[in-house]
Amino acid sequence: MKLKSIVSISITILSFCAIASFALANNVFYDPQLLPYDGKAYTGARDPEYISYDQALRDYMAKRIKQKFGVELDPKKYSGFDLLEIEAVLKCRKSDEPLDIFLKMFPKQQ
């Protein structure tokens, strides 16, 4: 009797955890274009593989920012990591705050 209750409680807990993980999985950062770069280390900013990774990240982030916030940014003007920071700022800013103030904080690339 005691074993049956332990097993049923365990199954209930595992089921709840599985459902919660599937629900949270929708917000996971996933793009097939970026998967080939997972776990790689680069020798520097001039490494050809790093340059291709940064370009893929720029394209993805510019598309994602446009979809989520309706803000069109040129991926050639910002680095991939700048675009990640811009997305974070856009999440935190108030809707009535002008965007130009925040974009001045990020240096544009030539």
Protein backbone atom coordinates (compact mmCIF):
# COMPACT_ATOMS: atom_id res chain seq x y z
CA MET A 1 0.00 0.00 0.00
CA LYS A 2 2.77 2.38 0.95
CA LEU A 3 4.70 1.49 -2.22
CA LYS A 4 1.66 2.22 -4.41
CA SER A 5 1.23 5.69 -2.92
CA ILE A 6 4.92 6.51 -3.36
CA VAL A 7 4.83 5.37 -6.99
CA SER A 8 1.65 7.34 -7.73
CA ILE A 9 3.06 10.49 -6.12
CA SER A 10 6.31 10.08 -8.07
CA ILE A 11 4.44 9.66 -11.35
CA THR A 12 2.35 12.73 -10.60
CA ILE A 13 5.41 14.83 -9.86
CA LEU A 14 7.24 13.61 -12.96
CA SER A 15 4.19 14.29 -15.12
CA PHE A 16 3.90 17.81 -13.75
CA CYS A 17 7.62 18.46 -14.40
CA ALA A 18 7.36 17.14 -17.96
CA ILE A 19 4.35 19.33 -18.74
CA ALA A 20 6.05 22.38 -17.24
CA SER A 21 9.23 21.82 -19.24
CA PHE A 22 7.25 21.53 -22.49
CA ALA A 23 5.40 24.73 -21.70
CA LEU A 24 8.61 26.61 -21.02
CA ALA A 25 10.35 25.21 -24.10
CA ASN A 26 8.51 27.65 -26.37
CA ASN A 27 10.78 30.50 -25.22
CA VAL A 28 14.02 28.65 -25.93
CA PHE A 29 16.54 30.33 -28.20
CA TYR A 30 16.59 28.04 -31.22
CA ASP A 31 17.52 28.72 -34.81
CA PRO A 32 18.81 26.03 -37.18
CA GLN A 33 21.02 28.65 -38.79
CA LEU A 34 22.94 29.07 -35.51
CA LEU A 35 23.14 25.41 -34.47
CA PRO A 36 26.39 24.66 -36.37
CA TYR A 37 28.15 27.20 -34.13
CA ASP A 38 27.10 25.65 -30.79
CA GLY A 39 30.00 24.94 -28.47
CA LYS A 40 32.71 26.25 -30.78
CA ALA A 41 35.62 28.33 -29.60
CA TYR A 42 37.16 31.00 -31.81
CA THR A 43 40.70 32.35 -31.89
CA GLY A 44 39.53 35.94 -32.16
CA ALA A 45 37.31 38.46 -33.90
CA ARG A 46 39.17 37.94 -37.18
CA ASP A 47 38.61 34.18 -37.22
CA PRO A 48 36.61 33.38 -40.42
CA GLU A 49 34.29 31.03 -38.51
CA TYR A 50 33.61 33.72 -35.92
CA ILE A 51 32.81 36.22 -38.67
CA SER A 52 30.29 33.83 -40.23
CA TYR A 53 28.79 33.13 -36.78
CA ASP A 54 28.46 36.85 -36.05
CA GLN A 55 26.78 37.42 -39.41
CA ALA A 56 24.29 34.60 -38.78
CA LEU A 57 23.58 35.99 -35.29
CA ARG A 58 23.09 39.51 -36.68
CA ASP A 59 20.61 38.31 -39.29
CA TYR A 60 18.69 36.23 -36.78
CA MET A 61 18.54 38.94 -34.12
CA ALA A 62 17.49 41.66 -36.57
CA LYS A 63 14.65 39.42 -37.79
CA ARG A 64 13.65 38.53 -34.21
CA ILE A 65 13.64 42.18 -33.07
CA LYS A 66 11.47 43.13 -36.03
CA GLN A 67 9.01 40.31 -35.26
CA LYS A 68 8.77 40.97 -31.52
CA PHE A 69 8.99 44.76 -31.34
CA GLY A 70 8.34 46.03 -34.88
CA VAL A 71 11.69 47.82 -34.93
CA GLU A 72 13.70 47.42 -38.10
CA LEU A 73 17.46 47.48 -37.51
CA ASP A 74 20.19 47.08 -40.09
CA PRO A 75 22.23 43.98 -39.13
CA LYS A 76 25.30 45.48 -40.81
CA LYS A 77 25.38 48.42 -38.39
CA TYR A 78 25.47 46.45 -35.12
CA SER A 79 27.35 43.39 -33.90
CA GLY A 80 25.43 40.28 -32.96
CA PHE A 81 26.04 40.91 -29.27
CA ASP A 82 24.90 44.54 -29.60
CA LEU A 83 21.66 43.26 -31.10
CA LEU A 84 21.24 40.89 -28.15
CA GLU A 85 21.64 43.86 -25.79
CA ILE A 86 19.27 46.00 -27.85
CA GLU A 87 16.64 43.27 -27.57
CA ALA A 88 17.11 43.23 -23.79
CA VAL A 89 16.72 47.02 -23.63
CA LEU A 90 13.58 46.86 -25.77
CA LYS A 91 12.09 44.34 -23.35
CA CYS A 92 12.72 46.67 -20.40
CA ARG A 93 11.89 50.08 -21.84
CA LYS A 94 8.57 51.77 -21.34
CA SER A 95 6.30 51.96 -24.37
CA ASP A 96 6.29 55.76 -24.37
CA GLU A 97 10.10 56.10 -24.31
CA PRO A 98 11.70 56.98 -27.66
CA LEU A 99 13.89 54.30 -29.20
CA ASP A 100 16.58 56.69 -30.47
CA ILE A 101 17.83 57.41 -26.95
CA PHE A 102 18.62 53.73 -26.42
CA LEU A 103 20.16 53.13 -29.83
CA LYS A 104 22.68 55.93 -29.24
CA MET A 105 24.22 53.78 -26.49
CA PHE A 106 25.36 51.17 -29.04
CA PRO A 107 28.26 51.97 -31.36
CA LYS A 108 27.52 51.43 -35.03
CA GLN A 109 30.01 49.43 -37.05
CA GLN A 110 31.44 50.79 -40.27
